[in-house]
Amino acid sequence: MPSRLFAVTTIVHCTSQQHSLCILTLKLSSEEFSTGAALDARLFREIPHVRTASLIVNGFPQQ
């Protein structure tokens, strides 16, 4: 059975001067969503110059 997808919105602080603050929505598998470390790794992989990321909206299942 395929894992459920969750939409997770984060606010991201970057080290670059041009884009110091970004809001990003990621679709995560239930395995990624249940593991904070996986979410952190995904953010650092997908956004250059990420410094910190804070979860501002809880994930919700996607149909």
PDB file of N, CA and C in Angstrom:
ATOM      1  N   MET A   1       0.848  -1.180   0.000  1.00  0.00           N
ATOM      2  CA  MET A   1       0.000   0.000   0.000  1.00  0.00           C
ATOM      3  C   MET A   1       0.893   1.242   0.000  1.00  0.00           C
ATOM      4  N   PRO A   2       0.624   2.210  -0.876  1.00  0.00           N
ATOM      5  CA  PRO A   2       1.480   3.407  -0.913  1.00  0.00           C
ATOM      6  C   PRO A   2       1.316   4.242   0.350  1.00  0.00           C
ATOM      7  N   SER A   3       2.392   4.905   0.738  1.00  0.00           N
ATOM      8  CA  SER A   3       2.320   5.744   1.929  1.00  0.00           C
ATOM      9  C   SER A   3       1.534   7.006   1.604  1.00  0.00           C
ATOM     10  N   ARG A   4       0.911   7.577   2.632  1.00  0.00           N
ATOM     11  CA  ARG A   4       0.161   8.814   2.447  1.00  0.00           C
ATOM     12  C   ARG A   4       1.136   9.970   2.289  1.00  0.00           C
ATOM     13  N   LEU A   5       0.689  10.999   1.582  1.00  0.00           N
ATOM     14  CA  LEU A   5       1.492  12.203   1.437  1.00  0.00           C
ATOM     15  C   LEU A   5       0.969  13.276   2.375  1.00  0.00           C
ATOM     16  N   PHE A   6       1.871  14.050   2.934  1.00  0.00           N
ATOM     17  CA  PHE A   6       1.525  15.152   3.816  1.00  0.00           C
ATOM     18  C   PHE A   6       2.087  16.439   3.238  1.00  0.00           C
ATOM     19  N   ALA A   7       1.281  17.493   3.259  1.00  0.00           N
ATOM     20  CA  ALA A   7       1.770  18.812   2.854  1.00  0.00           C
ATOM     21  C   ALA A   7       2.250  19.512   4.113  1.00  0.00           C
ATOM     22  N   VAL A   8       3.487  19.936   4.120  1.00  0.00           N
ATOM     23  CA  VAL A   8       4.082  20.574   5.291  1.00  0.00           C
ATOM     24  C   VAL A   8       4.598  21.946   4.869  1.00  0.00           C
ATOM     25  N   THR A   9       4.131  22.978   5.563  1.00  0.00           N
ATOM     26  CA  THR A   9       4.588  24.335   5.268  1.00  0.00           C
ATOM     27  C   THR A   9       5.624  24.737   6.303  1.00  0.00           C
ATOM     28  N   THR A  10       6.731  25.253   5.835  1.00  0.00           N
ATOM     29  CA  THR A  10       7.804  25.664   6.732  1.00  0.00           C
ATOM     30  C   THR A  10       8.211  27.095   6.421  1.00  0.00           C
ATOM     31  N   ILE A  11       8.749  27.751   7.422  1.00  0.00           N
ATOM     32  CA  ILE A  11       9.378  29.052   7.200  1.00  0.00           C
ATOM     33  C   ILE A  11      10.878  28.821   7.327  1.00  0.00           C
ATOM     34  N   VAL A  12      11.620  29.300   6.349  1.00  0.00           N
ATOM     35  CA  VAL A  12      13.026  28.947   6.228  1.00  0.00           C
ATOM     36  C   VAL A  12      13.873  30.212   6.253  1.00  0.00           C
ATOM     37  N   HIS A  13      14.877  30.209   7.098  1.00  0.00           N
ATOM     38  CA  HIS A  13      15.839  31.309   7.151  1.00  0.00           C
ATOM     39  C   HIS A  13      17.083  30.890   6.380  1.00  0.00           C
ATOM     40  N   CYS A  14      17.466  31.688   5.388  1.00  0.00           N
ATOM     41  CA  CYS A  14      18.602  31.365   4.538  1.00  0.00           C
ATOM     42  C   CYS A  14      19.769  32.292   4.855  1.00  0.00           C
ATOM     43  N   THR A  15      20.951  31.867   4.460  1.00  0.00           N
ATOM     44  CA  THR A  15      22.134  32.689   4.713  1.00  0.00           C
ATOM     45  C   THR A  15      22.388  33.688   3.599  1.00  0.00           C
ATOM     46  N   SER A  16      21.728  33.490   2.454  1.00  0.00           N
ATOM     47  CA  SER A  16      21.950  34.438   1.357  1.00  0.00           C
ATOM     48  C   SER A  16      21.252  35.754   1.669  1.00  0.00           C
ATOM     49  N   GLN A  17      21.810  36.846   1.187  1.00  0.00           N
ATOM     50  CA  GLN A  17      21.249  38.162   1.471  1.00  0.00           C
ATOM     51  C   GLN A  17      19.977  38.422   0.669  1.00  0.00           C
ATOM     52  N   GLN A  18      19.891  37.871  -0.523  1.00  0.00           N
ATOM     53  CA  GLN A  18      18.737  38.153  -1.380  1.00  0.00           C
ATOM     54  C   GLN A  18      17.443  37.571  -0.824  1.00  0.00           C
ATOM     55  N   HIS A  19      17.493  36.367  -0.329  1.00  0.00           N
ATOM     56  CA  HIS A  19      16.285  35.693   0.139  1.00  0.00           C
ATOM     57  C   HIS A  19      16.526  35.219   1.565  1.00  0.00           C
ATOM     58  N   SER A  20      16.356  36.131   2.515  1.00  0.00           N
ATOM     59  CA  SER A  20      16.656  35.760   3.886  1.00  0.00           C
ATOM     60  C   SER A  20      15.517  34.975   4.527  1.00  0.00           C
ATOM     61  N   LEU A  21      14.333  35.053   3.938  1.00  0.00           N
ATOM     62  CA  LEU A  21      13.188  34.350   4.509  1.00  0.00           C
ATOM     63  C   LEU A  21      12.347  33.788   3.374  1.00  0.00           C
ATOM     64  N   CYS A  22      12.014  32.510   3.457  1.00  0.00           N
ATOM     65  CA  CYS A  22      11.205  31.876   2.422  1.00  0.00           C
ATOM     66  C   CYS A  22      10.119  31.053   3.099  1.00  0.00           C
ATOM     67  N   ILE A  23       8.993  30.947   2.452  1.00  0.00           N
ATOM     68  CA  ILE A  23       7.959  30.022   2.908  1.00  0.00           C
ATOM     69  C   ILE A  23       7.877  28.926   1.862  1.00  0.00           C
ATOM     70  N   LEU A  24       7.899  27.712   2.328  1.00  0.00           N
ATOM     71  CA  LEU A  24       8.000  26.570   1.426  1.00  0.00           C
ATOM     72  C   LEU A  24       7.000  25.509   1.853  1.00  0.00           C
ATOM     73  N   THR A  25       6.323  24.919   0.899  1.00  0.00           N
ATOM     74  CA  THR A  25       5.458  23.780   1.172  1.00  0.00           C
ATOM     75  C   THR A  25       6.034  22.555   0.479  1.00  0.00           C
ATOM     76  N   LEU A  26       6.258  21.520   1.252  1.00  0.00           N
ATOM     77  CA  LEU A  26       6.788  20.263   0.718  1.00  0.00           C
ATOM     78  C   LEU A  26       5.734  19.180   0.845  1.00  0.00           C
ATOM     79  N   LYS A  27       5.720  18.271  -0.097  1.00  0.00           N
ATOM     80  CA  LYS A  27       4.908  17.067   0.049  1.00  0.00           C
ATOM     81  C   LYS A  27       5.831  15.964   0.542  1.00  0.00           C
ATOM     82  N   LEU A  28       5.505  15.427   1.703  1.00  0.00           N
ATOM     83  CA  LEU A  28       6.342  14.401   2.314  1.00  0.00           C
ATOM     84  C   LEU A  28       5.583  13.093   2.428  1.00  0.00           C
ATOM     85  N   SER A  29       6.301  11.998   2.345  1.00  0.00           N
ATOM     86  CA  SER A  29       5.701  10.698   2.617  1.00  0.00           C
ATOM     87  C   SER A  29       5.460  10.586   4.118  1.00  0.00           C
ATOM     88  N   SER A  30       4.645   9.647   4.521  1.00  0.00           N
ATOM     89  CA  SER A  30       4.364   9.482   5.952  1.00  0.00           C
ATOM     90  C   SER A  30       5.639   9.149   6.718  1.00  0.00           C
ATOM     91  N   GLU A  31       6.586   8.441   6.070  1.00  0.00           N
ATOM     92  CA  GLU A  31       7.842   8.116   6.738  1.00  0.00           C
ATOM     93  C   GLU A  31       8.670   9.385   6.982  1.00  0.00           C
ATOM     94  N   GLU A  32       8.754  10.246   5.972  1.00  0.00           N
ATOM     95  CA  GLU A  32       9.495  11.496   6.138  1.00  0.00           C
ATOM     96  C   GLU A  32       8.811  12.385   7.175  1.00  0.00           C
ATOM     97  N   PHE A  33       7.482  12.436   7.126  1.00  0.00           N
ATOM     98  CA  PHE A  33       6.728  13.316   8.013  1.00  0.00           C
ATOM     99  C   PHE A  33       6.895  12.913   9.472  1.00  0.00           C
ATOM    100  N   SER A  34       7.000  11.613   9.722  1.00  0.00           N
ATOM    101  CA  SER A  34       7.096  11.139  11.103  1.00  0.00           C
ATOM    102  C   SER A  34       8.497  11.299  11.679  1.00  0.00           C
ATOM    103  N   THR A  35       9.459  11.666  10.847  1.00  0.00           N
ATOM    104  CA  THR A  35      10.833  11.807  11.295  1.00  0.00           C
ATOM    105  C   THR A  35      11.320  13.227  11.057  1.00  0.00           C
ATOM    106  N   GLY A  36      11.507  13.981  12.124  1.00  0.00           N
ATOM    107  CA  GLY A  36      11.974  15.354  11.994  1.00  0.00           C
ATOM    108  C   GLY A  36      13.302  15.459  11.274  1.00  0.00           C
ATOM    109  N   ALA A  37      14.184  14.509  11.522  1.00  0.00           N
ATOM    110  CA  ALA A  37      15.504  14.535  10.892  1.00  0.00           C
ATOM    111  C   ALA A  37      15.375  14.399   9.379  1.00  0.00           C
ATOM    112  N   ALA A  38      14.421  13.601   8.932  1.00  0.00           N
ATOM    113  CA  ALA A  38      14.223  13.438   7.492  1.00  0.00           C
ATOM    114  C   ALA A  38      13.746  14.743   6.869  1.00  0.00           C
ATOM    115  N   LEU A  39      12.877  15.453   7.576  1.00  0.00           N
ATOM    116  CA  LEU A  39      12.406  16.744   7.087  1.00  0.00           C
ATOM    117  C   LEU A  39      13.556  17.738   7.014  1.00  0.00           C
ATOM    118  N   ASP A  40      14.376  17.795   8.039  1.00  0.00           N
ATOM    119  CA  ASP A  40      15.537  18.685   8.030  1.00  0.00           C
ATOM    120  C   ASP A  40      16.455  18.365   6.854  1.00  0.00           C
ATOM    121  N   ALA A  41      16.720  17.086   6.635  1.00  0.00           N
ATOM    122  CA  ALA A  41      17.599  16.679   5.548  1.00  0.00           C
ATOM    123  C   ALA A  41      17.007  17.081   4.203  1.00  0.00           C
ATOM    124  N   ARG A  42      15.704  16.928   4.072  1.00  0.00           N
ATOM    125  CA  ARG A  42      15.037  17.283   2.808  1.00  0.00           C
ATOM    126  C   ARG A  42      15.158  18.786   2.546  1.00  0.00           C
ATOM    127  N   LEU A  43      14.951  19.596   3.581  1.00  0.00           N
ATOM    128  CA  LEU A  43      15.061  21.050   3.421  1.00  0.00           C
ATOM    129  C   LEU A  43      16.476  21.451   3.023  1.00  0.00           C
ATOM    130  N   PHE A  44      17.461  20.883   3.692  1.00  0.00           N
ATOM    131  CA  PHE A  44      18.848  21.244   3.396  1.00  0.00           C
ATOM    132  C   PHE A  44      19.246  20.781   2.000  1.00  0.00           C
ATOM    133  N   ARG A  45      18.634  19.708   1.523  1.00  0.00           N
ATOM    134  CA  ARG A  45      18.908  19.213   0.178  1.00  0.00           C
ATOM    135  C   ARG A  45      18.271  20.115  -0.882  1.00  0.00           C
ATOM    136  N   GLU A  46      17.049  20.577  -0.617  1.00  0.00           N
ATOM    137  CA  GLU A  46      16.278  21.251  -1.657  1.00  0.00           C
ATOM    138  C   GLU A  46      16.475  22.759  -1.714  1.00  0.00           C
ATOM    139  N   ILE A  47      16.959  23.374  -0.665  1.00  0.00           N
ATOM    140  CA  ILE A  47      17.116  24.829  -0.655  1.00  0.00           C
ATOM    141  C   ILE A  47      18.573  25.172  -0.393  1.00  0.00           C
ATOM    142  N   PRO A  48      19.208  25.895  -1.301  1.00  0.00           N
ATOM    143  CA  PRO A  48      20.587  26.302  -1.046  1.00  0.00           C
ATOM    144  C   PRO A  48      20.653  27.301   0.102  1.00  0.00           C
ATOM    145  N   HIS A  49      21.688  27.237   0.874  1.00  0.00           N
ATOM    146  CA  HIS A  49      21.977  28.213   1.922  1.00  0.00           C
ATOM    147  C   HIS A  49      20.979  28.186   3.087  1.00  0.00           C
ATOM    148  N   VAL A  50      20.310  27.063   3.305  1.00  0.00           N
ATOM    149  CA  VAL A  50      19.396  27.002   4.445  1.00  0.00           C
ATOM    150  C   VAL A  50      20.202  27.069   5.728  1.00  0.00           C
ATOM    151  N   ARG A  51      19.755  27.888   6.654  1.00  0.00           N
ATOM    152  CA  ARG A  51      20.392  27.964   7.957  1.00  0.00           C
ATOM    153  C   ARG A  51      19.527  27.265   9.000  1.00  0.00           C
ATOM    154  N   THR A  52      18.274  27.686   9.110  1.00  0.00           N
ATOM    155  CA  THR A  52      17.359  27.033  10.037  1.00  0.00           C
ATOM    156  C   THR A  52      15.996  26.929   9.375  1.00  0.00           C
ATOM    157  N   ALA A  53      15.192  26.018   9.852  1.00  0.00           N
ATOM    158  CA  ALA A  53      13.833  25.876   9.344  1.00  0.00           C
ATOM    159  C   ALA A  53      12.909  25.624  10.518  1.00  0.00           C
ATOM    160  N   SER A  54      11.783  26.282  10.525  1.00  0.00           N
ATOM    161  CA  SER A  54      10.822  26.120  11.609  1.00  0.00           C
ATOM    162  C   SER A  54       9.488  25.689  11.016  1.00  0.00           C
ATOM    163  N   LEU A  55       8.921  24.659  11.592  1.00  0.00           N
ATOM    164  CA  LEU A  55       7.613  24.187  11.142  1.00  0.00           C
ATOM    165  C   LEU A  55       6.552  25.159  11.652  1.00  0.00           C
ATOM    166  N   ILE A  56       5.767  25.754  10.743  1.00  0.00           N
ATOM    167  CA  ILE A  56       4.750  26.704  11.184  1.00  0.00           C
ATOM    168  C   ILE A  56       3.336  26.184  10.983  1.00  0.00           C
ATOM    169  N   VAL A  57       3.155  25.166  10.165  1.00  0.00           N
ATOM    170  CA  VAL A  57       1.835  24.586   9.963  1.00  0.00           C
ATOM    171  C   VAL A  57       2.003  23.078  10.002  1.00  0.00           C
ATOM    172  N   ASN A  58       1.195  22.418  10.814  1.00  0.00           N
ATOM    173  CA  ASN A  58       1.279  20.965  10.878  1.00  0.00           C
ATOM    174  C   ASN A  58       0.917  20.350   9.534  1.00  0.00           C
ATOM    175  N   GLY A  59       1.512  19.232   9.234  1.00  0.00           N
ATOM    176  CA  GLY A  59       1.198  18.540   7.991  1.00  0.00           C
ATOM    177  C   GLY A  59      -0.225  18.024   7.998  1.00  0.00           C
ATOM    178  N   PHE A  60      -0.793  17.910   6.823  1.00  0.00           N
ATOM    179  CA  PHE A  60      -2.129  17.341   6.706  1.00  0.00           C
ATOM    180  C   PHE A  60      -2.139  16.393   5.529  1.00  0.00           C
ATOM    181  N   PRO A  61      -2.944  15.332   5.625  1.00  0.00           N
ATOM    182  CA  PRO A  61      -2.923  14.325   4.561  1.00  0.00           C
ATOM    183  C   PRO A  61      -3.419  14.885   3.234  1.00  0.00           C
ATOM    184  N   GLN A  62      -2.782  14.449   2.170  1.00  0.00           N
ATOM    185  CA  GLN A  62      -3.207  14.791   0.812  1.00  0.00           C
ATOM    186  C   GLN A  62      -4.038  13.637   0.268  1.00  0.00           C
ATOM    187  N   GLN A  63      -5.090  13.945  -0.427  1.00  0.00           N
ATOM    188  CA  GLN A  63      -5.913  12.897  -1.036  1.00  0.00           C
ATOM    189  C   GLN A  63      -5.311  12.441  -2.345  1.00  0.00           C
TER     190      GLN A  63
END
